[in-house]
């Protein structure tokens, strides 16, 4: 059922974004590079930076919903 309540729309959007999250060790490495070596991060391809932004947004949404984002269950 459609709801015009802003909270319902936000919850739906958060769930939709969180559903796309899949732990990715390579993106975790890029995120670590962004934190620890910003000079090297700046030299990366812009596409990788965009992918990192999407990954971090999905990870934050999954974390907000209480989902495991640690990657400990990934083989």
Protein backbone atom coordinates (compact mmCIF):
# COMPACT_ATOMS: atom_id res chain seq x y z
CA UNK A 1 0.00 0.00 0.00
CA UNK A 2 1.31 3.42 -0.92
CA UNK A 3 2.06 5.78 1.91
CA UNK A 4 2.91 9.44 1.61
CA UNK A 5 4.56 9.44 5.03
CA UNK A 6 8.18 10.66 4.70
CA UNK A 7 9.33 8.16 7.34
CA UNK A 8 7.90 5.24 5.36
CA UNK A 9 9.61 6.44 2.19
CA UNK A 10 12.90 6.87 4.02
CA UNK A 11 12.64 3.40 5.59
CA UNK A 12 11.86 1.86 2.19
CA UNK A 13 14.82 3.68 0.60
CA UNK A 14 17.16 2.62 3.42
CA UNK A 15 16.06 -1.03 3.09
CA UNK A 16 16.43 -0.89 -0.70
CA UNK A 17 19.96 0.49 -0.47
CA UNK A 18 20.92 -1.95 2.32
CA UNK A 19 19.70 -4.88 0.21
CA UNK A 20 22.39 -4.08 -2.37
CA UNK A 21 25.23 -4.41 0.14
CA UNK A 22 27.63 -7.32 -0.39
CA UNK A 23 30.91 -7.36 1.50
CA UNK A 24 33.74 -6.67 -0.93
CA UNK A 25 37.35 -7.03 0.27
CA UNK A 26 38.64 -4.92 -2.62
CA UNK A 27 36.35 -2.02 -1.69
CA UNK A 28 37.43 -2.40 1.94
CA UNK A 29 41.02 -1.98 0.72
CA UNK A 30 40.09 1.14 -1.23
CA UNK A 31 38.29 2.52 1.84
CA UNK A 32 41.38 1.85 3.95
CA UNK A 33 43.51 3.55 1.31
CA UNK A 34 41.21 6.60 1.45
CA UNK A 35 41.69 6.82 5.24
CA UNK A 36 45.37 5.97 5.53
CA UNK A 37 46.93 7.13 2.24
CA UNK A 38 44.80 9.97 0.82
CA UNK A 39 47.60 10.97 -1.55
CA UNK A 40 47.47 7.57 -3.26
CA UNK A 41 43.67 7.51 -3.11
CA UNK A 42 43.61 10.79 -5.05
CA UNK A 43 45.39 9.10 -7.97
CA UNK A 44 42.73 6.39 -8.39
CA UNK A 45 40.38 6.23 -11.34
CA UNK A 46 37.23 8.32 -10.68
CA UNK A 47 35.07 5.26 -11.39
CA UNK A 48 36.64 3.47 -8.42
CA UNK A 49 35.88 6.47 -6.23
CA UNK A 50 32.24 6.45 -7.35
CA UNK A 51 32.02 2.72 -6.66
CA UNK A 52 33.46 3.31 -3.19
CA UNK A 53 30.82 5.95 -2.50
CA UNK A 54 28.03 3.55 -3.45
CA UNK A 55 29.62 0.76 -1.43
CA UNK A 56 29.94 2.96 1.67
CA UNK A 57 26.34 4.20 1.32
CA UNK A 58 25.02 0.62 1.10
CA UNK A 59 27.24 -0.49 3.98
CA UNK A 60 26.00 2.37 6.18
CA UNK A 61 22.37 1.54 5.36
CA UNK A 62 22.91 -2.14 6.18
CA UNK A 63 24.64 -1.21 9.42
CA UNK A 64 21.77 1.15 10.31
CA UNK A 65 19.37 -1.77 9.96
CA UNK A 66 21.52 -3.94 12.23
CA UNK A 67 22.90 -6.20 9.53
CA UNK A 68 26.36 -7.72 9.74
CA UNK A 69 28.75 -5.69 7.58
CA UNK A 70 31.96 -7.19 8.95
CA UNK A 71 32.46 -9.74 6.18
CA UNK A 72 33.29 -12.45 8.68
CA UNK A 73 30.83 -14.84 6.99
CA UNK A 74 32.43 -14.35 3.55
CA UNK A 75 34.61 -17.22 2.40
